[in-house]
């Protein structure tokens, strides 16, 4: 499969102190130094960082990056993307240094979401410091999963499945259309495509190695007054036990455990409920708090 995993996220954010509390204290990630001026960089495993938070006047997704095997694989994918009509820009040496990778390209998907394809992440061989989280589930499963908004979800499906090689894992119907869950490794889904009017990162997920990691994260959410988005529950598609909170920029952020691993040849299916139990919704906080 051409895409191995979700590698890293780069987010434009307007409130660096709020995100430092959110990523460092609530999510319990290790803050590390980075080359992007004024930005925060967070480590959870052998990658130098998996999350970069870049100060900006307007919040939003700067890049969702997917890992490929090596430089030759990246070159082949660039050729296929350009043949299909995508505009692909190769990252400079300086930009590779910012991301701590050997090479990458940037482009936009059919929904206008900025994505990157990269190879050769730079590893830190020390044990990450993640107090309150035994370890994050990453490795060959990647950073976690994301849901991207897509105005034309069928065009997004063709792009990610036909060009980038994702597999359809399951679907569900919403008032706005079909929501697709796509996989690229044994994680039940790495990418979701949600029908919406404009581009954007709707949701991202991190996974701990045991149930206590979820419980301690839930305690931290209450301790640091992180606004709850969905209560503890178990999903019907990947069987993950998790809860959701609102990020400082009102993304849905999920912390979970025990997500299903699937065989690549598992047939797709349609779910009619999002949870076996729990996941009760709380609206986002008002702008005034």
Protein backbone atom coordinates (compact mmCIF):
# COMPACT_ATOMS: atom_id res chain seq x y z
CA UNK A 1 0.00 0.00 0.00
CA UNK A 2 1.55 3.36 -1.03
CA UNK A 3 0.70 5.25 2.18
CA UNK A 4 2.00 3.66 5.37
CA UNK A 5 0.47 5.88 8.05
CA UNK A 6 -0.39 9.33 9.32
CA UNK A 7 2.99 10.81 10.18
CA UNK A 8 2.50 14.25 11.69
CA UNK A 9 0.17 17.24 11.90
CA UNK A 10 1.05 20.91 11.50
CA UNK A 11 -1.60 23.26 12.86
CA UNK A 12 -1.87 27.03 12.62
CA UNK A 13 -2.97 28.29 16.05
CA UNK A 14 -3.71 31.70 17.51
CA UNK A 15 -3.26 30.98 21.23
CA UNK A 16 0.11 29.36 21.91
CA UNK A 17 -0.25 29.36 25.73
CA UNK A 18 -3.63 27.61 25.51
CA UNK A 19 -2.21 24.97 23.18
CA UNK A 20 0.85 24.49 25.42
CA UNK A 21 -1.51 23.63 28.28
CA UNK A 22 -3.63 21.42 26.03
CA UNK A 23 -0.85 19.43 24.34
CA UNK A 24 1.67 19.41 27.18
CA UNK A 25 -0.46 19.16 30.32
CA UNK A 26 -3.66 17.49 29.13
CA UNK A 27 -2.38 15.25 26.30
CA UNK A 28 0.90 14.73 28.25
CA UNK A 29 3.14 15.05 25.20
CA UNK A 30 6.79 15.98 25.45
CA UNK A 31 7.60 19.49 24.26
CA UNK A 32 10.83 19.55 22.24
CA UNK A 33 12.80 22.26 20.50
CA UNK A 34 12.18 22.81 16.80
CA UNK A 35 13.30 25.02 13.93
CA UNK A 36 9.94 26.66 13.18
CA UNK A 37 10.19 30.08 14.80
CA UNK A 38 7.74 30.61 17.66
CA UNK A 39 6.13 27.19 17.18
CA UNK A 40 5.57 24.37 19.66
CA UNK A 41 6.72 20.85 18.80
CA UNK A 42 5.50 17.74 20.59
CA UNK A 43 6.98 14.26 20.73
CA UNK A 44 5.19 11.00 21.63
CA UNK A 45 7.52 8.33 20.21
CA UNK A 46 10.72 7.95 18.17
CA UNK A 47 9.76 10.72 15.73
CA UNK A 48 11.38 14.05 16.57
CA UNK A 49 7.83 15.41 16.78
CA UNK A 50 4.38 14.36 15.67
CA UNK A 51 2.60 17.66 16.30
CA UNK A 52 3.73 21.17 15.36
CA UNK A 53 1.71 24.17 16.50
CA UNK A 54 2.53 27.27 14.46
CA UNK A 55 1.52 30.78 15.59
CA UNK A 56 -0.80 32.41 13.07
CA UNK A 57 -3.50 35.07 12.83
CA UNK A 58 -6.05 32.50 11.64
CA UNK A 59 -6.26 28.95 13.02
CA UNK A 60 -6.47 25.95 10.73
CA UNK A 61 -4.76 22.92 9.28
CA UNK A 62 -1.30 23.72 7.91
CA UNK A 63 -0.61 20.12 6.83
CA UNK A 64 -1.68 16.54 7.43
CA UNK A 65 1.34 14.43 6.50
CA UNK A 66 1.31 10.81 5.36
CA UNK A 67 4.42 8.62 5.34
CA UNK A 68 5.61 6.66 2.30
CA UNK A 69 8.38 4.06 2.12
CA UNK A 70 11.33 5.95 0.64
CA UNK A 71 12.43 8.53 -1.94
CA UNK A 72 11.73 6.29 -4.93
CA UNK A 73 8.23 5.59 -3.69
CA UNK A 74 7.67 9.31 -3.23
CA UNK A 75 8.91 10.02 -6.77
CA UNK A 76 6.56 7.42 -8.20
CA UNK A 77 3.60 8.87 -6.33
CA UNK A 78 4.46 12.40 -7.50
CA UNK A 79 4.41 11.19 -11.12
CA UNK A 80 1.03 9.55 -10.64
CA UNK A 81 -0.42 12.61 -8.90
CA UNK A 82 0.83 15.03 -11.55
CA UNK A 83 -0.48 12.77 -14.32
CA UNK A 84 -3.88 12.90 -12.61
CA UNK A 85 -3.76 16.72 -12.56
CA UNK A 86 -2.58 17.51 -9.04
CA UNK A 87 -0.12 20.34 -8.48
CA UNK A 88 2.72 18.99 -6.35
CA UNK A 89 5.47 21.11 -4.74
CA UNK A 90 8.71 19.58 -3.49
CA UNK A 91 9.90 20.69 -0.08
CA UNK A 92 13.19 22.54 0.17
CA UNK A 93 16.11 21.38 2.29
CA UNK A 94 15.19 24.07 4.83
CA UNK A 95 11.57 22.94 4.95
CA UNK A 96 12.68 19.32 5.41
CA UNK A 97 14.73 20.48 8.39
CA UNK A 98 11.64 22.11 9.92
CA UNK A 99 9.80 18.81 9.66
CA UNK A 100 12.79 16.61 10.56
CA UNK A 101 12.32 14.43 7.46
CA UNK A 102 14.53 13.44 4.52
CA UNK A 103 12.08 14.59 1.86
CA UNK A 104 8.49 15.63 1.32
CA UNK A 105 6.05 17.12 -1.16
CA UNK A 106 2.99 19.27 -0.52
CA UNK A 107 -0.35 19.45 -2.34
CA UNK A 108 -4.02 19.98 -1.65
CA UNK A 109 -6.71 17.32 -1.78
CA UNK A 110 -9.97 17.85 -3.73
CA UNK A 111 -11.54 19.44 -0.66
CA UNK A 112 -8.80 22.06 -0.37
CA UNK A 113 -7.09 20.44 2.61
CA UNK A 114 -3.29 20.84 2.67
CA UNK A 115 -1.50 17.50 2.80
CA UNK A 116 2.09 16.35 2.64
CA UNK A 117 3.71 13.06 1.62
CA UNK A 118 7.09 12.39 3.21
CA UNK A 119 9.80 9.80 3.76
CA UNK A 120 12.73 9.36 6.10
CA UNK A 121 11.59 10.75 9.47
CA UNK A 122 14.47 11.62 11.80
CA UNK A 123 14.37 9.43 14.90
CA UNK A 124 15.18 10.34 18.49
CA UNK A 125 16.36 7.14 20.18
CA UNK A 126 15.70 8.23 23.77
CA UNK A 127 12.49 7.29 25.58
CA UNK A 128 9.87 10.06 25.26
CA UNK A 129 8.72 11.73 28.48
CA UNK A 130 4.91 11.45 28.56
CA UNK A 131 3.85 11.67 32.24
CA UNK A 132 0.42 10.14 32.73
CA UNK A 133 0.55 8.15 29.47
CA UNK A 134 2.27 4.75 29.62
CA UNK A 135 2.95 5.00 25.89
CA UNK A 136 1.18 6.14 22.75
CA UNK A 137 0.16 3.54 20.15
CA UNK A 138 2.16 4.52 17.06
CA UNK A 139 4.86 2.50 15.23
CA UNK A 140 3.57 0.93 12.02
CA UNK A 141 0.09 2.30 12.85
CA UNK A 142 1.26 5.90 12.70
CA UNK A 143 0.37 8.90 14.82
CA UNK A 144 -3.36 8.13 15.10
CA UNK A 145 -6.24 9.13 12.87
CA UNK A 146 -7.85 12.28 11.50
CA UNK A 147 -11.17 13.31 9.98
CA UNK A 148 -11.05 15.91 7.18
CA UNK A 149 -13.95 18.01 5.92
CA UNK A 150 -14.72 17.56 2.23
CA UNK A 151 -17.23 19.53 0.15
CA UNK A 152 -17.30 16.83 -2.54
CA UNK A 153 -16.78 13.71 -0.49
CA UNK A 154 -16.96 11.41 -3.53
CA UNK A 155 -14.10 13.30 -5.20
CA UNK A 156 -12.16 13.03 -1.96
CA UNK A 157 -12.84 9.30 -1.87
CA UNK A 158 -11.51 8.83 -5.42
CA UNK A 159 -8.38 10.86 -4.60
CA UNK A 160 -7.47 9.01 -1.41
CA UNK A 161 -8.48 5.52 -2.58
CA UNK A 162 -7.62 5.54 -6.29
CA UNK A 163 -4.51 7.76 -6.18
CA UNK A 164 -3.08 7.39 -2.67
CA UNK A 165 -4.09 3.77 -2.16
CA UNK A 166 -6.24 3.93 0.96
CA UNK A 167 -8.77 1.14 1.57
CA UNK A 168 -12.42 1.70 2.41
CA UNK A 169 -13.03 0.28 5.87
CA UNK A 170 -16.56 1.44 6.64
CA UNK A 171 -19.15 4.13 5.95
CA UNK A 172 -21.96 5.85 7.78
CA UNK A 173 -24.70 8.15 6.58
CA UNK A 174 -25.13 11.69 7.87
CA UNK A 175 -27.71 14.37 6.95
CA UNK A 176 -25.07 15.88 4.63
CA UNK A 177 -24.03 12.64 2.90
CA UNK A 178 -21.77 9.64 3.33
CA UNK A 179 -18.88 9.72 5.78
CA UNK A 180 -16.03 7.44 4.68
CA UNK A 181 -13.53 5.79 7.02
CA UNK A 182 -10.34 4.77 5.20
CA UNK A 183 -7.35 2.68 6.24
CA UNK A 184 -3.75 2.31 5.12
CA UNK A 185 -2.39 -0.12 7.73
CA UNK A 186 -3.78 -2.39 10.44
CA UNK A 187 -5.42 0.52 12.30
CA UNK A 188 -9.14 0.28 11.51
CA UNK A 189 -9.07 3.78 10.06
CA UNK A 190 -6.36 6.38 9.62
CA UNK A 191 -8.48 8.89 7.68
CA UNK A 192 -12.12 9.90 7.65
CA UNK A 193 -13.79 12.07 5.00
CA UNK A 194 -16.75 14.06 6.30
CA UNK A 195 -19.18 15.90 3.99
CA UNK A 196 -18.95 19.61 4.84
CA UNK A 197 -19.14 22.97 3.08
CA UNK A 198 -15.44 23.80 3.32
CA UNK A 199 -12.03 22.30 4.10
CA UNK A 200 -10.63 21.79 7.56
CA UNK A 201 -9.51 19.36 10.22
CA UNK A 202 -12.63 18.16 11.99
CA UNK A 203 -11.08 15.68 14.40
CA UNK A 204 -7.84 13.97 15.41
CA UNK A 205 -7.16 11.00 17.68
CA UNK A 206 -4.35 9.70 19.88
CA UNK A 207 -4.33 6.22 21.40
CA UNK A 208 -2.83 5.02 24.69
CA UNK A 209 -1.68 1.46 25.32
CA UNK A 210 -4.08 0.66 28.15
CA UNK A 211 -7.36 1.66 29.73
CA UNK A 212 -5.62 3.43 32.61
CA UNK A 213 -4.10 5.85 30.08
CA UNK A 214 -7.64 6.82 29.08
CA UNK A 215 -8.75 7.13 32.70
CA UNK A 216 -5.80 9.32 33.63
CA UNK A 217 -6.40 11.48 30.55
CA UNK A 218 -10.02 11.86 31.62
CA UNK A 219 -8.85 12.94 35.08
CA UNK A 220 -6.53 15.50 33.50
CA UNK A 221 -9.37 16.85 31.37
CA UNK A 222 -11.34 17.61 34.53
CA UNK A 223 -8.28 18.88 36.40
CA UNK A 224 -7.34 21.36 33.67
CA UNK A 225 -10.98 22.19 32.82
CA UNK A 226 -10.67 21.02 29.23
CA UNK A 227 -14.19 21.25 27.75
CA UNK A 228 -15.75 17.84 27.12
CA UNK A 229 -17.12 17.11 23.65
CA UNK A 230 -18.21 13.47 24.00
CA UNK A 231 -18.29 11.40 27.17
CA UNK A 232 -16.53 8.06 27.59
CA UNK A 233 -17.90 5.48 25.17
CA UNK A 234 -17.09 2.62 22.78
CA UNK A 235 -17.25 3.06 19.00
CA UNK A 236 -19.04 0.65 16.70
CA UNK A 237 -16.55 0.84 13.82
CA UNK A 238 -13.14 0.43 15.51
CA UNK A 239 -14.38 -0.71 18.97
CA UNK A 240 -12.22 1.95 20.63
CA UNK A 241 -13.01 3.05 24.18
CA UNK A 242 -12.48 6.80 24.19
CA UNK A 243 -13.69 10.27 25.02
CA UNK A 244 -13.52 13.56 23.13
CA UNK A 245 -12.69 17.10 24.15
CA UNK A 246 -12.73 20.47 22.41
CA UNK A 247 -9.29 21.80 21.50
CA UNK A 248 -8.48 25.52 21.95
CA UNK A 249 -9.49 25.95 18.29
CA UNK A 250 -12.55 23.69 18.69
CA UNK A 251 -11.30 20.63 16.85
CA UNK A 252 -12.71 17.41 18.26
CA UNK A 253 -9.78 15.62 19.90
CA UNK A 254 -10.18 11.97 20.88
CA UNK A 255 -8.11 10.02 23.39
CA UNK A 256 -8.71 6.29 23.31
CA UNK A 257 -7.58 2.72 23.85
CA UNK A 258 -8.13 -0.70 22.30
CA UNK A 259 -8.83 0.37 18.71
CA UNK A 260 -9.43 -2.60 16.44
CA UNK A 261 -6.68 -3.90 14.15
CA UNK A 262 -7.95 -5.27 10.86
CA UNK A 263 -6.71 -7.41 8.00
CA UNK A 264 -6.31 -5.34 4.80
CA UNK A 265 -8.73 -7.63 2.98
CA UNK A 266 -11.55 -7.18 5.51
CA UNK A 267 -14.76 -6.28 3.61
CA UNK A 268 -16.19 -2.80 4.22
CA UNK A 269 -19.48 -2.25 6.02
CA UNK A 270 -21.93 0.51 6.97
CA UNK A 271 -22.59 1.49 10.58
CA UNK A 272 -25.94 2.82 11.74
CA UNK A 273 -24.84 3.99 15.21
CA UNK A 274 -21.63 5.70 16.26
CA UNK A 275 -21.30 4.03 19.65
CA UNK A 276 -22.33 0.88 21.47
CA UNK A 277 -22.61 3.01 24.61
CA UNK A 278 -21.59 6.46 25.85
CA UNK A 279 -20.14 9.26 23.70
CA UNK A 280 -22.84 11.68 24.80
CA UNK A 281 -22.37 15.03 23.07
CA UNK A 282 -21.68 18.42 24.68
CA UNK A 283 -21.75 21.53 22.45
CA UNK A 284 -18.59 23.63 22.13
CA UNK A 285 -18.00 26.36 24.69
CA UNK A 286 -19.21 29.83 23.78
CA UNK A 287 -16.59 32.34 22.56
CA UNK A 288 -16.86 34.18 25.87
CA UNK A 289 -16.34 30.97 27.82
